[in-house]
Amino acid sequence: MQPDLSSKSLSVRLNQVSRCMRRAENLEQWLSAVMDGTNGFCARAALFAVEGKSLVCRAVRGLERIPEAVPLEAAPALASAADSQDTVVAVCTAGELSKTIADAYGAGTVRKAHLIPLNGRKRSLAVLYAEETTDLDALELLMAIAASAREYMLAAAPVGENQLVGISGTASASVVSDDEFRARRFAQSRVAEIRLVHEDLVQTGRAQGDLYSRLRGPLNEVREAYAREFRNAEFADYLHLEIVRSLANDDATILGSEYPGPLA
């Protein structure tokens, strides 16, 4: 059952959550804002940071915080979400989430969870474990907002004061430019917002194979905004790629014959 939130009130709430994340003065405040943001979209949640070859439980809501690190190889479902940078559905068993997590959260019952990555420039920095999800689109948008807010805070921090680096451990080298990273983040967050606000149109458009014609207004608006921001970019059209991946389930034909394709 979906939470009783109108599109406007939902947008207001997510905007408030975003401000709380950006105003966080340290890692704990940021984590608290992330966990608060999940309230209403899932019954219980935990955020596992990807630190080297291990998962570290950094924050929880409605669950026990697991004190010890969990090897990634022992939790293949979480590892899959981190590697693919896409949401995975898993059963809370030792075979999928490790014996440590299954013992802590399984409690002898068959529990399913959505595993939603929080993606950085080149890899997933963390994975959100969410039980009894009521609005997956909202949680995916929340993770995009959280990642953007984290980058904003790190960029704004004085040199040598990377308060939030602990969420991902030692940063890996990256050749992705700042503009390219912003383009990817812009595409992810804006397309997730379209999925969330226009859920009925998205479902109908997928079924009928005419997504673009049904979402012409919001899609044209976001395409124009992307073109203004990244008009002279020398990298791929990340908005087009995200529209195909996230809205059309990796099948461009679902967008319909009227879809104009990548931006020139």
Protein backbone atom coordinates (compact mmCIF):
# COMPACT_ATOMS: atom_id res chain seq x y z
CA MET A 1 0.00 0.00 0.00
CA GLN A 2 1.37 3.40 -1.00
CA PRO A 3 1.74 6.10 1.67
CA ASP A 4 -1.01 8.71 1.54
CA LEU A 5 1.12 11.53 0.19
CA SER A 6 0.20 13.83 -2.68
CA SER A 7 2.87 14.61 -5.28
CA LYS A 8 3.20 18.15 -3.91
CA SER A 9 3.52 17.13 -0.27
CA LEU A 10 5.98 14.39 -1.21
CA SER A 11 8.13 16.86 -3.13
CA VAL A 12 8.06 19.24 -0.15
CA ARG A 13 9.09 16.47 2.20
CA LEU A 14 11.97 15.28 0.05
CA ASN A 15 13.11 18.89 -0.32
CA GLN A 16 13.13 19.22 3.47
CA VAL A 17 15.12 16.01 3.81
CA SER A 18 17.60 17.29 1.23
CA ARG A 19 18.11 20.53 3.19
CA CYS A 20 18.70 18.56 6.40
CA MET A 21 21.33 16.44 4.67
CA ARG A 22 23.13 19.47 3.20
CA ARG A 23 23.13 21.26 6.55
CA ALA A 24 24.64 18.30 8.38
CA GLU A 25 27.85 19.29 10.12
CA ASN A 26 29.21 15.76 10.49
CA LEU A 27 28.70 12.17 9.44
CA GLU A 28 26.29 11.33 12.24
CA GLN A 29 23.93 14.20 11.39
CA TRP A 30 23.96 13.23 7.73
CA LEU A 31 23.24 9.59 8.56
CA SER A 32 20.41 10.63 10.86
CA ALA A 33 18.86 12.69 8.06
CA VAL A 34 19.11 9.74 5.67
CA MET A 35 17.40 7.40 8.14
CA ASP A 36 14.69 9.96 8.93
CA GLY A 37 14.07 10.30 5.21
CA THR A 38 13.20 6.60 4.89
CA ASN A 39 10.33 6.93 7.36
CA GLY A 40 6.99 6.35 5.62
CA PHE A 41 8.57 4.60 2.64
CA CYS A 42 9.63 1.41 4.41
CA ALA A 43 9.01 -0.16 7.81
CA ARG A 44 12.65 -0.64 8.84
CA ALA A 45 15.99 0.32 7.33
CA ALA A 46 19.74 0.02 7.72
CA LEU A 47 22.56 1.69 5.81
CA PHE A 48 25.64 -0.42 5.07
CA ALA A 49 28.74 1.47 3.95
CA VAL A 50 30.92 -0.27 1.37
CA GLU A 51 34.40 -0.02 2.87
CA GLY A 52 37.01 -1.90 0.88
CA LYS A 53 35.84 -5.51 0.72
CA SER A 54 33.55 -5.17 3.72
CA LEU A 55 30.12 -3.82 4.65
CA VAL A 56 29.82 -1.71 7.79
CA CYS A 57 26.41 -0.96 9.32
CA ARG A 58 26.49 2.82 9.85
CA ALA A 59 22.88 3.63 10.75
CA VAL A 60 19.54 1.92 11.41
CA ARG A 61 15.87 2.69 11.87
CA GLY A 62 13.73 0.07 13.60
CA LEU A 63 16.55 -2.51 13.52
CA GLU A 64 19.55 -3.42 15.65
CA ARG A 65 22.83 -1.93 14.55
CA ILE A 66 25.24 -4.72 13.63
CA PRO A 67 28.59 -4.00 15.29
CA GLU A 68 30.92 -6.17 13.22
CA ALA A 69 31.92 -5.71 9.59
CA VAL A 70 30.47 -8.17 7.08
CA PRO A 71 32.66 -9.39 4.19
CA LEU A 72 31.14 -8.51 0.82
CA GLU A 73 31.74 -12.03 -0.43
CA ALA A 74 29.56 -13.37 2.39
CA ALA A 75 26.61 -11.18 1.32
CA PRO A 76 26.16 -11.73 -2.44
CA ALA A 77 22.86 -9.84 -2.71
CA LEU A 78 24.34 -6.72 -1.13
CA ALA A 79 27.47 -7.14 -3.25
CA SER A 80 25.28 -7.37 -6.37
CA ALA A 81 23.49 -4.12 -5.51
CA ALA A 82 26.84 -2.40 -4.96
CA ASP A 83 28.46 -3.80 -8.11
CA SER A 84 25.51 -3.16 -10.43
CA GLN A 85 24.67 0.21 -8.81
CA ASP A 86 21.03 -0.80 -9.13
CA THR A 87 18.30 -1.98 -6.75
CA VAL A 88 18.15 -5.67 -5.84
CA VAL A 89 15.38 -7.61 -4.07
CA ALA A 90 16.64 -10.23 -1.62
CA VAL A 91 15.46 -12.63 1.04
CA CYS A 92 17.06 -12.18 4.44
CA THR A 93 18.89 -15.49 4.54
CA ALA A 94 22.49 -16.43 5.25
CA GLY A 95 22.99 -17.38 1.61
CA GLU A 96 21.95 -13.95 0.29
CA LEU A 97 22.81 -11.47 3.05
CA SER A 98 25.32 -13.37 5.20
CA LYS A 99 24.78 -15.31 8.43
CA THR A 100 25.54 -12.19 10.48
CA ILE A 101 22.79 -10.11 8.90
CA ALA A 102 20.33 -13.03 8.69
CA ASP A 103 20.78 -13.80 12.38
CA ALA A 104 20.27 -10.13 13.30
CA TYR A 105 17.33 -9.34 11.01
CA GLY A 106 15.83 -12.65 9.93
CA ALA A 107 14.58 -13.70 13.38
CA GLY A 108 13.57 -17.10 12.04
CA THR A 109 11.11 -15.62 9.51
CA VAL A 110 11.29 -15.22 5.74
CA ARG A 111 11.85 -11.50 5.25
CA LYS A 112 12.29 -9.77 1.94
CA ALA A 113 14.17 -6.52 1.55
CA HIS A 114 15.03 -4.01 -1.15
CA LEU A 115 18.74 -3.25 -1.40
CA ILE A 116 19.18 0.25 -2.84
CA PRO A 117 22.67 1.56 -3.63
CA LEU A 118 23.92 5.04 -2.76
CA ASN A 119 26.18 5.69 -5.73
CA GLY A 120 29.30 7.79 -5.91
CA ARG A 121 31.37 8.82 -8.92
CA LYS A 122 32.70 5.38 -9.86
CA ARG A 123 31.09 2.95 -7.42
CA SER A 124 28.48 2.45 -4.77
CA LEU A 125 29.43 4.04 -1.46
CA ALA A 126 26.71 2.33 0.56
CA VAL A 127 23.61 0.15 0.26
CA LEU A 128 20.28 0.83 1.96
CA TYR A 129 18.58 -2.27 3.36
CA ALA A 130 14.82 -1.57 3.41
CA GLU A 131 12.11 -3.91 4.74
CA GLU A 132 8.39 -3.75 3.91
CA THR A 133 8.94 -1.09 1.28
CA THR A 134 5.85 0.96 0.45
CA ASP A 135 7.39 3.33 -2.10
CA LEU A 136 10.52 2.10 -3.88
CA ASP A 137 10.71 5.10 -6.22
CA ALA A 138 10.82 7.44 -3.22
CA LEU A 139 13.64 5.45 -1.61
CA GLU A 140 15.66 5.42 -4.83
CA LEU A 141 15.19 9.17 -5.18
CA LEU A 142 16.17 9.56 -1.52
CA MET A 143 19.47 7.72 -2.17
CA ALA A 144 20.17 9.97 -5.16
CA ILE A 145 19.49 13.02 -2.99
CA ALA A 146 21.69 11.61 -0.21
CA ALA A 147 24.59 11.06 -2.60
CA SER A 148 24.24 14.56 -4.03
CA ALA A 149 24.07 16.11 -0.55
CA ARG A 150 27.15 14.20 0.55
CA GLU A 151 29.15 15.45 -2.44
CA TYR A 152 27.91 19.00 -1.80
CA MET A 153 29.09 18.84 1.81
CA LEU A 154 32.47 17.40 0.92
CA ALA A 155 32.99 20.11 -1.69
CA ALA A 156 32.01 22.82 0.80
CA ALA A 157 34.20 21.50 3.61
CA PRO A 158 37.51 23.30 4.31
CA VAL A 159 40.58 21.55 2.93
CA GLY A 160 41.47 18.59 5.14
CA GLU A 161 38.03 18.42 6.76
CA ASN A 162 36.28 15.65 4.84
CA GLN A 163 33.82 14.89 7.64
CA LEU A 164 31.80 12.41 5.62
CA VAL A 165 34.55 10.31 4.06
CA GLY A 166 33.85 7.62 6.67
CA ILE A 167 30.73 6.50 4.82
CA SER A 168 32.82 4.99 2.04
CA GLY A 169 36.27 4.38 3.49
CA THR A 170 39.28 5.26 1.36
CA ALA A 171 38.25 7.00 -1.82
CA SER A 172 39.30 5.37 -5.06
CA ALA A 173 40.95 7.24 -7.91
CA SER A 174 38.53 8.59 -10.48
CA VAL A 175 38.90 10.04 -13.94
CA VAL A 176 35.30 11.25 -14.07
CA SER A 177 35.17 15.03 -14.37
CA ASP A 178 33.07 17.15 -12.03
CA ASP A 179 30.75 18.13 -14.90
CA GLU A 180 30.27 14.51 -15.94
CA PHE A 181 29.50 13.48 -12.38
CA ARG A 182 26.99 16.32 -12.01
CA ALA A 183 25.34 15.27 -15.28
CA ARG A 184 24.95 11.71 -14.08
CA ARG A 185 23.57 12.82 -10.73
CA PHE A 186 21.20 15.31 -12.42
CA ALA A 187 19.87 12.56 -14.70
CA GLN A 188 19.40 10.04 -11.89
CA SER A 189 17.58 12.40 -9.55
CA ARG A 190 15.33 14.06 -12.14
CA VAL A 191 14.29 10.81 -13.82
CA ALA A 192 13.63 9.23 -10.41
CA GLU A 193 11.41 12.21 -9.61
CA ILE A 194 9.44 11.69 -12.82
CA ARG A 195 8.96 8.03 -11.95
CA LEU A 196 7.73 8.99 -8.52
CA VAL A 197 5.41 11.88 -9.39
CA HIS A 198 3.96 10.35 -12.56
CA GLU A 199 3.83 6.70 -11.47
CA ASP A 200 0.49 5.94 -13.17
CA LEU A 201 1.60 7.40 -16.50
CA VAL A 202 4.89 5.51 -16.32
CA GLN A 203 3.13 2.19 -15.77
CA THR A 204 0.61 2.82 -18.56
CA GLY A 205 3.28 4.06 -20.95
CA ARG A 206 5.41 0.98 -20.36
CA ALA A 207 2.45 -1.29 -21.01
CA GLN A 208 1.37 0.58 -24.15
CA GLY A 209 4.85 1.34 -25.50
CA ASP A 210 4.28 5.09 -25.68
CA LEU A 211 6.09 6.46 -22.64
CA TYR A 212 7.32 9.64 -24.30
CA SER A 213 3.92 10.77 -25.59
CA ARG A 214 2.39 10.28 -22.13
CA LEU A 215 5.25 12.05 -20.36
CA ARG A 216 5.99 14.63 -23.05
CA GLY A 217 5.65 17.63 -20.72
CA PRO A 218 7.92 16.56 -17.85
CA LEU A 219 10.40 14.84 -20.21
CA ASN A 220 10.72 17.90 -22.45
CA GLU A 221 11.17 20.10 -19.39
CA VAL A 222 13.99 17.99 -17.98
CA ARG A 223 15.61 17.61 -21.42
CA GLU A 224 15.66 21.40 -21.83
CA ALA A 225 17.13 21.85 -18.34
CA TYR A 226 19.81 19.22 -19.04
CA ALA A 227 20.66 20.85 -22.38
CA ARG A 228 21.07 24.27 -20.77
CA GLU A 229 23.34 22.88 -18.06
CA PHE A 230 25.48 20.54 -20.16
CA ARG A 231 25.09 21.94 -23.70
CA ASN A 232 28.78 21.78 -24.65
CA ALA A 233 29.58 18.55 -22.82
CA GLU A 234 31.98 16.12 -24.46
CA PHE A 235 30.60 13.07 -22.63
CA ALA A 236 27.58 10.85 -23.22
CA ASP A 237 23.99 12.05 -22.88
CA TYR A 238 23.43 10.67 -19.40
CA LEU A 239 19.85 11.90 -19.33
CA HIS A 240 18.95 9.79 -22.36
CA LEU A 241 20.74 6.78 -20.88
CA GLU A 242 18.88 7.17 -17.58
CA ILE A 243 15.52 7.62 -19.32
CA VAL A 244 16.06 4.36 -21.19
CA ARG A 245 17.43 2.50 -18.15
CA SER A 246 15.09 3.70 -15.44
CA LEU A 247 11.87 4.70 -17.23
CA ALA A 248 11.91 2.21 -20.10
CA ASN A 249 13.51 -0.73 -18.29
CA ASP A 250 16.46 -0.79 -20.74
CA ASP A 251 14.13 -1.09 -23.76
CA ALA A 252 14.19 2.12 -25.84
CA THR A 253 11.29 0.94 -28.00
CA ILE A 254 8.97 1.40 -25.00
CA LEU A 255 9.49 5.16 -25.32
CA GLY A 256 7.61 5.09 -28.61
CA SER A 257 8.21 6.42 -32.09
CA GLU A 258 7.78 10.07 -31.05
CA TYR A 259 10.74 10.05 -28.65
CA PRO A 260 13.41 12.35 -30.17
CA GLY A 261 16.36 10.33 -28.88
CA PRO A 262 19.63 11.59 -27.37
CA LEU A 263 20.26 15.30 -27.27
CA ALA A 264 22.32 16.51 -30.21
